Amino acid sequence: MQGAGNDYIYVNTFRYPLTDPERLSELWSRPHTGIGADGLVLIGPPSGEGDFSMRIFNADGSEAMMCGNASRCVGKYLYEYALTGKTTIALETLSGVKTLNLHLTDGGLVESVTVDMGVPSGIHPVRLGDDYLPYVEGVFVSMGNPHLVLFVDDVSAVPLAEIGPRIERHPLFPDRVNVEFVQPLSDNRLRMRVWERGSGVTQACGTGACATVAAGVFTGRCARESEVAMDGGCLSLYWEPSGGHMLMSGPAVKVFEGEIDTDI
């Protein structure tokens, strides 16, 4: 499934428990010898307060804290494969329980999902140093996972595959960081490209879009209700002024289903 071009392999562990998801994510995510994906998502039972749980493994096998695009697709899977009849679902992630609100078509399919992504935190300016010119001044935002947002005049001119991995492993970020390059287009529209920690260049990043709006509001570059356009599609964001929660809405699309040998 994919959400705004952010594509993952989804496994229902109620039926197919996996014992080595780190290895399988790395193998299956390879485009020529595996399935090809940004990573692997496991759908399973909750351990506490949620209705279901989600675990995410990046293409390099590392485990991620949260993915907004993946959470929307999990909501679609749960409803359309009849694991639940709820249209409001509490989903456990490593960054806490996220609430999914499903929006259905007249035919009963999940067309889009709104996710309460929680409260952005730790927002502060960051200076990378002259070795990273011209990408020196950024804004750090935590969405349960770390993000560095850098505002640029022309996002298409950013050498993403070159500068992204360098910033991801900057000494300021001992646990590495997701990197968003953002070009403001208007008061309520931003263009974003992303280098994801553990996955590299991806078509979209839901937590990155949330971090982008938080950084945009923090620096006076965008409104609390804004659209973020990424390589794979657009997401609508609303940063609530009262409780401070970030609400993210966007599509969830099933691409195909099939079988693969775990001994690949």
Protein backbone atom coordinates (compact mmCIF):
# COMPACT_ATOMS: atom_id res chain seq x y z
CA MET A 1 0.00 0.00 0.00
CA GLN A 2 1.03 3.59 -0.44
CA GLY A 3 0.07 6.90 1.07
CA ALA A 4 1.12 9.92 -1.00
CA GLY A 5 3.75 7.71 -2.62
CA ASN A 6 5.24 6.46 0.66
CA ASP A 7 5.06 2.72 -0.01
CA TYR A 8 5.38 -0.10 2.51
CA ILE A 9 4.86 -3.85 2.61
CA TYR A 10 2.10 -4.71 5.11
CA VAL A 11 1.87 -8.04 6.93
CA ASN A 12 -1.06 -9.14 9.10
CA THR A 13 0.80 -10.83 11.96
CA PHE A 14 -2.46 -12.26 13.34
CA ARG A 15 -2.18 -14.69 10.40
CA TYR A 16 1.50 -14.49 9.53
CA PRO A 17 3.76 -13.90 12.57
CA LEU A 18 7.30 -12.91 11.56
CA THR A 19 10.30 -13.74 13.71
CA ASP A 20 12.98 -11.65 11.99
CA PRO A 21 11.34 -8.49 10.60
CA GLU A 22 14.62 -6.53 10.55
CA ARG A 23 16.19 -8.96 8.08
CA LEU A 24 13.01 -9.37 6.04
CA SER A 25 12.48 -5.63 5.73
CA GLU A 26 15.98 -5.16 4.35
CA LEU A 27 15.60 -8.05 1.89
CA TRP A 28 12.03 -7.38 0.77
CA SER A 29 12.54 -3.62 0.37
CA ARG A 30 15.17 -4.11 -2.34
CA PRO A 31 13.61 -3.14 -5.68
CA HIS A 32 15.31 -5.67 -7.96
CA THR A 33 15.71 -8.77 -5.80
CA GLY A 34 12.78 -8.28 -3.40
CA ILE A 35 9.41 -6.54 -3.58
CA GLY A 36 10.70 -2.97 -3.47
CA ALA A 37 9.44 -0.61 -0.76
CA ASP A 38 10.34 2.06 1.78
CA GLY A 39 10.10 -0.65 4.43
CA LEU A 40 7.94 -3.22 6.21
CA VAL A 41 4.91 -2.64 8.46
CA LEU A 42 3.57 -5.26 10.88
CA ILE A 43 -0.10 -5.10 11.90
CA GLY A 44 -0.76 -6.86 15.18
CA PRO A 45 -2.57 -7.01 18.52
CA PRO A 46 -2.25 -4.22 21.07
CA SER A 47 -0.12 -4.53 24.17
CA GLY A 48 -2.02 -1.89 26.13
CA GLU A 49 -4.55 0.85 25.40
CA GLY A 50 -4.95 0.57 21.62
CA ASP A 51 -7.23 -1.46 19.39
CA PHE A 52 -4.31 -2.66 17.25
CA SER A 53 -0.56 -2.11 17.00
CA MET A 54 1.82 -1.10 14.23
CA ARG A 55 5.55 -1.76 13.99
CA ILE A 56 7.59 -0.14 11.21
CA PHE A 57 10.94 -1.26 9.84
CA ASN A 58 12.91 0.91 7.45
CA ALA A 59 14.49 -0.36 4.25
CA ASP A 60 17.82 -0.77 6.09
CA GLY A 61 16.22 -2.97 8.76
CA SER A 62 16.17 -0.37 11.53
CA GLU A 63 12.92 0.10 13.44
CA ALA A 64 11.09 3.42 13.10
CA MET A 65 9.09 5.13 15.81
CA MET A 66 6.17 6.31 13.70
CA CYS A 67 5.00 6.88 10.13
CA GLY A 68 1.88 8.90 9.37
CA ASN A 69 1.46 7.58 5.84
CA ALA A 70 1.78 4.00 7.06
CA SER A 71 -0.75 4.55 9.85
CA ARG A 72 -3.37 5.67 7.32
CA CYS A 73 -2.77 2.54 5.26
CA VAL A 74 -3.04 0.39 8.39
CA GLY A 75 -6.47 1.93 9.02
CA LYS A 76 -7.54 1.05 5.49
CA TYR A 77 -6.26 -2.53 5.87
CA LEU A 78 -8.00 -3.08 9.22
CA TYR A 79 -11.37 -1.92 7.92
CA GLU A 80 -11.36 -3.37 4.41
CA TYR A 81 -10.07 -6.77 5.52
CA ALA A 82 -12.75 -6.83 8.27
CA LEU A 83 -10.39 -6.91 11.24
CA THR A 84 -12.61 -4.18 12.66
CA GLY A 85 -15.89 -2.43 11.92
CA LYS A 86 -14.79 0.75 13.66
CA THR A 87 -14.19 3.95 11.75
CA THR A 88 -12.29 5.44 14.68
CA ILE A 89 -9.31 3.29 15.64
CA ALA A 90 -6.71 3.62 18.40
CA LEU A 91 -3.39 2.46 16.94
CA GLU A 92 -0.40 1.68 19.15
CA THR A 93 3.00 2.85 17.84
CA LEU A 94 6.41 3.25 19.42
CA SER A 95 5.64 6.97 19.74
CA GLY A 96 2.31 6.43 21.51
CA VAL A 97 -1.30 5.68 20.63
CA LYS A 98 -2.54 7.48 17.51
CA THR A 99 -6.23 7.98 16.68
CA LEU A 100 -7.29 7.17 13.11
CA ASN A 101 -10.55 8.54 11.69
CA LEU A 102 -11.54 6.71 8.51
CA HIS A 103 -13.43 8.45 5.69
CA LEU A 104 -15.45 6.02 3.56
CA THR A 105 -16.75 6.08 0.02
CA ASP A 106 -20.41 5.32 -0.71
CA GLY A 107 -19.25 1.80 -1.52
CA GLY A 108 -17.77 1.29 1.94
CA LEU A 109 -14.10 1.57 1.03
CA VAL A 110 -11.59 3.71 2.91
CA GLU A 111 -10.80 6.69 0.70
CA SER A 112 -8.77 8.77 3.15
CA VAL A 113 -7.81 8.87 6.81
CA THR A 114 -7.27 11.66 9.33
CA VAL A 115 -4.66 10.87 11.95
CA ASP A 116 -4.14 12.69 15.23
CA MET A 117 -0.34 12.80 15.09
CA GLY A 118 0.03 14.20 18.59
CA VAL A 119 1.75 17.38 19.74
CA PRO A 120 4.95 18.56 18.03
CA SER A 121 7.64 19.09 20.65
CA GLY A 122 11.22 20.21 21.13
CA ILE A 123 10.91 22.88 18.43
CA HIS A 124 14.07 24.98 18.25
CA PRO A 125 16.46 26.50 15.68
CA VAL A 126 19.56 24.52 14.73
CA ARG A 127 22.82 25.63 13.14
CA LEU A 128 24.65 22.84 11.33
CA GLY A 129 27.93 24.66 10.64
CA ASP A 130 29.70 26.03 7.59
CA ASP A 131 30.63 22.54 6.33
CA TYR A 132 26.99 22.20 5.28
CA LEU A 133 26.67 25.44 3.29
CA PRO A 134 24.20 26.60 2.09
CA TYR A 135 22.07 24.30 4.26
CA VAL A 136 23.09 25.71 7.64
CA GLU A 137 20.02 27.08 9.44
CA GLY A 138 17.23 24.63 10.25
CA VAL A 139 14.45 23.94 12.73
CA PHE A 140 14.34 20.78 14.83
CA VAL A 141 10.93 19.23 15.50
CA SER A 142 10.04 15.99 17.27
CA MET A 143 6.92 14.15 16.09
CA GLY A 144 7.79 11.15 18.24
CA ASN A 145 10.72 10.80 15.84
CA PRO A 146 13.35 13.46 15.05
CA HIS A 147 13.12 15.89 12.12
CA LEU A 148 15.25 18.73 10.84
CA VAL A 149 13.41 21.15 8.54
CA LEU A 150 15.48 23.39 6.25
CA PHE A 151 13.75 26.15 4.28
CA VAL A 152 15.12 26.79 0.79
CA ASP A 153 14.30 29.01 -2.19
CA ASP A 154 14.16 26.17 -4.73
CA VAL A 155 13.57 22.65 -3.41
CA SER A 156 14.13 21.13 -6.86
CA ALA A 157 17.75 22.33 -6.80
CA VAL A 158 18.63 20.48 -3.57
CA PRO A 159 21.06 17.55 -4.16
CA LEU A 160 18.96 15.38 -1.86
CA ALA A 161 20.83 12.09 -2.30
CA GLU A 162 24.13 13.85 -1.59
CA ILE A 163 23.35 16.18 1.30
CA GLY A 164 20.58 14.11 2.95
CA PRO A 165 22.77 11.30 4.32
CA ARG A 166 25.37 13.78 5.55
CA ILE A 167 22.83 15.72 7.59
CA GLU A 168 21.10 12.52 8.79
CA ARG A 169 24.33 11.54 10.54
CA HIS A 170 25.37 15.02 11.73
CA PRO A 171 27.07 14.88 15.17
CA LEU A 172 24.21 16.98 16.60
CA PHE A 173 21.90 13.98 16.11
CA PRO A 174 23.36 10.87 17.79
CA ASP A 175 20.24 8.85 16.87
CA ARG A 176 20.27 10.27 13.31
CA VAL A 177 17.53 12.52 11.95
CA ASN A 178 14.94 12.78 9.16
CA VAL A 179 15.68 15.73 6.88
CA GLU A 180 13.04 17.86 5.13
CA PHE A 181 13.87 20.54 2.57
CA VAL A 182 10.94 22.94 2.24
CA GLN A 183 10.02 25.71 -0.19
CA PRO A 184 7.10 27.93 0.92
CA LEU A 185 4.75 28.52 -2.02
CA SER A 186 2.08 30.60 -0.22
CA ASP A 187 0.76 31.18 3.28
CA ASN A 188 -0.95 27.78 3.30
CA ARG A 189 1.01 25.67 0.80
CA LEU A 190 4.52 24.27 1.05
CA ARG A 191 6.62 22.08 -1.23
CA MET A 192 8.68 19.45 0.58
CA ARG A 193 11.28 16.83 -0.34
CA VAL A 194 12.55 14.37 2.23
CA TRP A 195 15.51 12.20 3.16
CA GLU A 196 14.19 9.64 5.64
CA ARG A 197 16.36 8.21 8.37
CA GLY A 198 17.03 4.59 7.46
CA SER A 199 15.25 4.69 4.09
CA GLY A 200 16.85 7.49 2.07
CA VAL A 201 14.95 9.49 -0.54
CA THR A 202 11.22 8.71 -0.33
CA GLN A 203 8.18 10.05 -2.13
CA ALA A 204 6.55 11.33 1.06
CA CYS A 205 6.79 11.39 4.85
CA GLY A 206 3.75 11.98 7.05
CA THR A 207 5.62 12.89 10.23
CA GLY A 208 7.89 15.02 8.05
CA ALA A 209 4.89 16.92 6.68
CA CYS A 210 3.74 17.53 10.26
CA ALA A 211 7.22 18.74 11.23
CA THR A 212 7.24 21.00 8.17
CA VAL A 213 4.04 22.78 9.19
CA ALA A 214 5.20 23.06 12.81
CA ALA A 215 8.49 24.60 11.66
CA GLY A 216 6.65 26.83 9.20
CA VAL A 217 4.35 28.20 11.91
CA PHE A 218 7.30 28.53 14.32
CA THR A 219 9.19 30.69 11.81
CA GLY A 220 6.15 32.59 10.50
CA ARG A 221 6.25 31.00 7.05
CA CYS A 222 2.85 29.29 6.92
CA ALA A 223 -0.59 29.07 8.50
CA ARG A 224 -1.68 26.43 11.00
CA GLU A 225 -3.91 24.93 8.31
CA SER A 226 -1.69 24.20 5.33
CA GLU A 227 -1.11 21.75 2.51
CA VAL A 228 2.25 20.04 2.04
CA ALA A 229 3.04 18.92 -1.51
CA MET A 230 5.60 16.11 -1.77
CA ASP A 231 7.01 14.10 -4.66
CA GLY A 232 4.31 11.44 -4.22
CA GLY A 233 1.29 13.59 -3.41
CA CYS A 234 -0.25 16.08 -1.00
CA LEU A 235 -1.27 15.97 2.65
CA SER A 236 -3.53 18.39 4.52
CA LEU A 237 -2.36 19.49 7.96
CA TYR A 238 -4.05 21.37 10.77
CA TRP A 239 -2.13 22.32 13.90
CA GLU A 240 -4.80 22.92 16.53
CA PRO A 241 -4.17 26.18 18.42
CA SER A 242 -5.86 25.00 21.63
CA GLY A 243 -4.59 21.51 22.44
CA GLY A 244 -1.63 21.74 20.07
CA HIS A 245 -2.39 18.46 18.29
CA MET A 246 -1.37 18.05 14.65
CA LEU A 247 -4.10 16.52 12.48
CA MET A 248 -3.01 14.99 9.18
CA SER A 249 -5.38 13.94 6.38
CA GLY A 250 -4.52 12.12 3.20
CA PRO A 251 -5.09 9.12 0.94
CA ALA A 252 -4.43 5.42 1.55
CA VAL A 253 -4.14 3.21 -1.54
CA LYS A 254 -3.82 -0.55 -1.95
CA VAL A 255 -1.39 -1.36 -4.77
CA PHE A 256 -1.35 -5.17 -4.79
CA GLU A 257 -1.29 -8.25 -2.58
CA GLY A 258 0.61 -11.50 -2.96
CA GLU A 259 2.84 -14.11 -1.36
CA ILE A 260 6.58 -14.19 -0.79
CA ASP A 261 8.88 -16.79 0.75
CA THR A 262 10.35 -15.73 4.10
CA ASP A 263 13.52 -17.60 3.13
CA ILE A 264 14.20 -15.29 0.14
